[in-house]
Amino acid sequence: MTRFYLFINQYLKGVISPEKDIRYIEDYRRFILTNQPPHTAVFFKFVQDLLHPDDRYLLNTNEKKVEVQTFNLSKGTILCNTSFLDGHISMVIDGAIGVCHRLDALLNWSHFYVEKSWLFNLEIHEELNKMDTTWHVLEDTQIYSIDTNVFGQNELKDLMIALSLQRSLLCSYQYQHYINNHGLDRHEYSVNWIKSNRKVAAALPRKELANFLGISNSSLKTYLKEAMEDA
């Protein structure tokens, strides 16, 4: 079977505000059947883990029929709308994306998507975004994605409904996890976070990193030193 792909690169969508310097760049590729992206088997393992145990047979029996799309985002890209991911389950395969909200003049980082993170793009949905939330691509990033939007008598309908349900449940759990993290001991949490996210920590201005961790600039200097000493 010949390799089939659709490639749309660097197109503009919506009204761009020069004041915010928002760039919307989508690099979209699709491979089907035997020409799936190279890490599809690993991705499907995470998809299977996402499903309820009673529903995993749906993926086992239909895996070869599921199309995996890849999206490649360049470092420095800023997204304020990701409609191309609406109704998808999506995972960062490589790279890092920071989620931030602008309050006054300071960028307030709330969380980050790194390798093996599931993405929740409703946080920058055009109709729901009330906090000027944006995605900042901190490293060249590759995303694997499955479109769960199926209609009628599509043979994958039961699988896609099951994936959509689990995505919604995971989204609720994940945001609760972010909230809980801010209630933890700031010293221990900050040092451990820096150890686990060295590339992201290095990409952020120190003032913004301290604000994200909920600590002072002087504490950040101390915690960075501790994290480096334990490396």
Protein backbone atom coordinates (compact mmCIF):
# COMPACT_ATOMS: atom_id res chain seq x y z
CA MET A 1 0.00 0.00 0.00
CA THR A 2 1.43 3.35 -0.98
CA ARG A 3 2.12 5.87 1.73
CA PHE A 4 -0.70 8.36 2.04
CA TYR A 5 -0.36 11.61 3.89
CA LEU A 6 -1.91 15.00 4.16
CA PHE A 7 0.37 17.86 5.07
CA ILE A 8 -0.77 21.37 5.95
CA ASN A 9 1.99 23.60 7.26
CA GLN A 10 2.06 27.15 8.56
CA TYR A 11 -1.37 28.54 7.97
CA LEU A 12 -3.02 31.38 9.79
CA LYS A 13 -6.38 31.03 11.46
CA GLY A 14 -8.60 33.68 13.01
CA VAL A 15 -7.69 37.22 13.83
CA ILE A 16 -4.14 37.67 15.10
CA SER A 17 -3.51 40.35 17.66
CA PRO A 18 -0.16 42.09 17.01
CA GLU A 19 -0.25 43.23 20.63
CA LYS A 20 -0.01 39.65 21.88
CA ASP A 21 2.22 38.45 19.05
CA ILE A 22 0.21 35.25 18.79
CA ARG A 23 1.22 32.86 16.06
CA TYR A 24 -0.98 29.94 15.17
CA ILE A 25 0.94 27.32 13.25
CA GLU A 26 -0.35 23.86 12.55
CA ASP A 27 1.87 21.19 11.05
CA TYR A 28 -0.51 18.35 10.35
CA ARG A 29 0.38 14.92 9.03
CA ARG A 30 -1.69 11.74 8.80
CA PHE A 31 -0.49 8.22 8.21
CA ILE A 32 -2.85 5.26 7.89
CA LEU A 33 -2.71 1.49 8.42
CA THR A 34 0.82 0.14 7.85
CA ASN A 35 2.18 3.67 7.42
CA GLN A 36 1.45 4.79 10.96
CA PRO A 37 3.97 7.10 12.70
CA PRO A 38 7.08 5.33 14.07
CA HIS A 39 6.10 5.25 17.77
CA THR A 40 2.49 4.20 17.31
CA ALA A 41 2.87 0.94 19.26
CA VAL A 42 4.09 2.83 22.33
CA PHE A 43 1.31 5.40 21.95
CA PHE A 44 -1.34 2.68 21.73
CA LYS A 45 -0.04 1.21 25.00
CA PHE A 46 -0.90 4.52 26.73
CA VAL A 47 -4.25 4.65 24.93
CA GLN A 48 -5.04 1.17 26.22
CA ASP A 49 -4.08 2.19 29.77
CA LEU A 50 -6.40 5.19 29.45
CA LEU A 51 -9.38 2.94 28.75
CA HIS A 52 -11.44 1.26 31.45
CA PRO A 53 -10.36 -2.43 31.71
CA ASP A 54 -13.79 -3.55 30.48
CA ASP A 55 -13.35 -1.47 27.31
CA ARG A 56 -9.79 -2.41 26.34
CA TYR A 57 -10.98 -5.16 24.02
CA LEU A 58 -12.39 -2.39 21.80
CA LEU A 59 -8.88 -1.18 21.05
CA ASN A 60 -7.40 -4.67 20.79
CA THR A 61 -9.88 -5.63 18.06
CA ASN A 62 -9.75 -2.32 16.17
CA GLU A 63 -6.19 -1.05 16.59
CA LYS A 64 -5.27 -1.44 12.91
CA LYS A 65 -8.30 0.62 11.90
CA VAL A 66 -7.49 3.59 14.13
CA GLU A 67 -5.77 6.51 12.40
CA VAL A 68 -3.03 8.30 14.33
CA GLN A 69 -2.32 11.89 13.38
CA THR A 70 0.89 13.74 14.19
CA PHE A 71 1.25 17.45 14.86
CA ASN A 72 4.68 19.08 14.93
CA LEU A 73 4.98 22.42 16.71
CA SER A 74 8.12 24.53 16.51
CA LYS A 75 9.84 25.98 19.55
CA GLY A 76 8.66 29.54 20.16
CA THR A 77 5.17 28.98 18.74
CA ILE A 78 2.37 30.53 20.81
CA LEU A 79 -1.14 29.12 20.44
CA CYS A 80 -4.37 30.74 21.55
CA ASN A 81 -6.64 28.33 19.70
CA THR A 82 -6.20 24.61 19.03
CA SER A 83 -9.43 23.76 17.26
CA PHE A 84 -7.50 21.16 15.25
CA LEU A 85 -7.44 19.07 18.47
CA ASP A 86 -11.13 19.43 19.32
CA GLY A 87 -12.65 16.04 20.05
CA HIS A 88 -9.24 14.36 20.00
CA ILE A 89 -7.24 12.42 22.56
CA SER A 90 -3.72 13.74 22.21
CA MET A 91 -0.35 13.06 23.83
CA VAL A 92 3.01 14.83 23.75
CA ILE A 93 5.48 12.30 22.35
CA ASP A 94 8.45 14.62 22.55
CA GLY A 95 9.00 18.23 23.59
CA ALA A 96 7.32 20.59 26.07
CA ILE A 97 4.37 22.99 26.09
CA GLY A 98 3.75 25.51 28.87
CA VAL A 99 0.27 26.78 29.75
CA CYS A 100 0.10 30.31 31.05
CA HIS A 101 -2.38 33.05 31.86
CA ARG A 102 -1.56 36.73 31.62
CA LEU A 103 -2.38 38.72 34.75
CA ASP A 104 -1.17 42.30 34.67
CA ALA A 105 2.29 42.28 33.07
CA LEU A 106 3.38 38.88 34.38
CA LEU A 107 2.98 35.55 32.64
CA ASN A 108 1.52 33.11 35.16
CA TRP A 109 2.40 29.50 34.31
CA SER A 110 -0.15 27.00 35.60
CA HIS A 111 1.13 23.67 34.26
CA PHE A 112 3.23 22.03 31.57
CA TYR A 113 2.81 19.24 29.08
CA VAL A 114 5.96 17.18 28.65
CA GLU A 115 6.77 13.77 27.19
CA LYS A 116 3.92 11.25 27.75
CA SER A 117 1.50 13.97 28.93
CA TRP A 118 -2.11 13.88 27.76
CA LEU A 119 -3.21 17.24 26.34
CA PHE A 120 -6.40 19.06 27.33
CA ASN A 121 -6.96 21.77 24.76
CA LEU A 122 -10.30 23.06 26.08
CA GLU A 123 -8.31 25.38 28.35
CA ILE A 124 -7.61 27.55 25.29
CA HIS A 125 -10.89 26.88 23.50
CA GLU A 126 -12.01 30.07 21.78
CA GLU A 127 -15.41 30.20 23.52
CA LEU A 128 -14.19 29.08 26.95
CA ASN A 129 -10.93 30.97 27.31
CA LYS A 130 -11.64 33.78 29.78
CA MET A 131 -8.12 34.22 31.20
CA ASP A 132 -6.12 34.99 28.07
CA THR A 133 -4.66 31.49 28.34
CA THR A 134 -2.04 30.48 25.78
CA TRP A 135 0.14 27.49 24.99
CA HIS A 136 3.84 28.28 24.66
CA VAL A 137 5.91 25.68 22.83
CA LEU A 138 9.13 25.57 24.87
CA GLU A 139 10.83 22.88 22.77
CA ASP A 140 10.16 21.46 19.31
CA THR A 141 7.17 19.28 20.10
CA GLN A 142 5.54 16.29 18.45
CA ILE A 143 1.97 15.31 19.32
CA TYR A 144 0.20 12.04 18.51
CA SER A 145 -3.56 12.31 18.29
CA ILE A 146 -6.71 10.27 17.59
CA ASP A 147 -9.86 11.98 16.36
CA THR A 148 -12.78 10.60 18.38
CA ASN A 149 -15.37 12.47 16.32
CA VAL A 150 -17.24 9.64 14.60
CA PHE A 151 -20.82 9.60 13.43
CA GLY A 152 -23.57 7.24 12.34
CA GLN A 153 -22.76 3.54 12.19
CA ASN A 154 -18.99 3.95 12.19
CA GLU A 155 -17.39 0.67 13.31
CA LEU A 156 -15.12 2.56 15.74
CA LYS A 157 -17.98 4.42 17.43
CA ASP A 158 -18.00 2.37 20.67
CA LEU A 159 -14.23 2.74 21.01
CA MET A 160 -14.33 6.49 20.43
CA ILE A 161 -17.17 6.97 22.93
CA ALA A 162 -15.16 5.03 25.54
CA LEU A 163 -12.05 7.14 24.84
CA SER A 164 -14.03 10.39 25.05
CA LEU A 165 -15.46 9.39 28.42
CA GLN A 166 -12.08 8.48 29.89
CA ARG A 167 -10.54 11.68 28.51
CA SER A 168 -13.17 13.73 30.35
CA LEU A 169 -12.62 11.84 33.60
CA LEU A 170 -8.85 12.18 33.33
CA CYS A 171 -9.15 15.90 32.63
CA SER A 172 -11.11 16.42 35.87
CA TYR A 173 -8.61 14.35 37.83
CA GLN A 174 -5.61 16.13 36.32
CA TYR A 175 -6.82 19.62 37.17
CA GLN A 176 -7.54 18.49 40.73
CA HIS A 177 -3.96 17.19 40.80
CA TYR A 178 -2.66 20.65 39.81
CA ILE A 179 -4.69 22.22 42.62
CA ASN A 180 -3.46 19.68 45.16
CA ASN A 181 0.16 20.30 44.17
CA HIS A 182 -0.12 23.92 45.29
CA GLY A 183 -1.14 22.75 48.74
CA LEU A 184 2.03 20.71 49.22
CA ASP A 185 5.18 21.75 51.04
CA ARG A 186 6.72 24.31 48.69
CA HIS A 187 10.32 23.40 49.46
CA GLU A 188 10.05 19.68 48.76
CA TYR A 189 7.65 20.13 45.87
CA SER A 190 9.77 22.81 44.19
CA VAL A 191 13.03 20.88 44.41
CA ASN A 192 11.41 17.68 43.11
CA TRP A 193 9.65 19.55 40.31
CA ILE A 194 12.88 21.18 39.15
CA LYS A 195 14.64 17.80 39.19
CA SER A 196 11.91 16.25 37.05
CA ASN A 197 11.53 19.20 34.68
CA ARG A 198 15.03 20.57 34.16
CA LYS A 199 14.50 21.62 30.53
CA VAL A 200 11.27 23.44 31.30
CA ALA A 201 12.80 25.15 34.35
CA ALA A 202 15.75 26.30 32.24
CA ALA A 203 13.41 27.73 29.58
CA LEU A 204 11.50 30.04 31.95
CA PRO A 205 12.62 33.44 33.24
CA ARG A 206 13.49 33.10 36.94
CA LYS A 207 10.76 35.49 38.05
CA GLU A 208 8.10 33.48 36.19
CA LEU A 209 9.46 30.16 37.49
CA ALA A 210 9.33 31.42 41.08
CA ASN A 211 5.78 32.66 40.52
CA PHE A 212 4.75 29.25 39.10
CA LEU A 213 6.22 27.41 42.10
CA GLY A 214 4.70 29.88 44.56
CA ILE A 215 8.03 30.84 46.12
CA SER A 216 10.23 33.92 46.41
CA ASN A 217 13.13 34.63 44.06
CA SER A 218 15.60 34.05 46.89
CA SER A 219 14.00 30.67 47.72
CA LEU A 220 14.15 29.71 44.05
CA LYS A 221 17.90 30.38 44.00
CA THR A 222 18.34 28.04 46.99
CA TYR A 223 16.06 25.32 45.59
CA LEU A 224 17.77 25.41 42.20
CA LYS A 225 21.11 24.87 43.91
CA GLU A 226 19.69 21.92 45.87
CA ALA A 227 18.19 20.36 42.75
CA MET A 228 21.51 20.69 40.88
CA GLU A 229 23.50 19.23 43.78
CA ASP A 230 21.26 16.14 43.86
CA ALA A 231 21.52 15.62 40.10
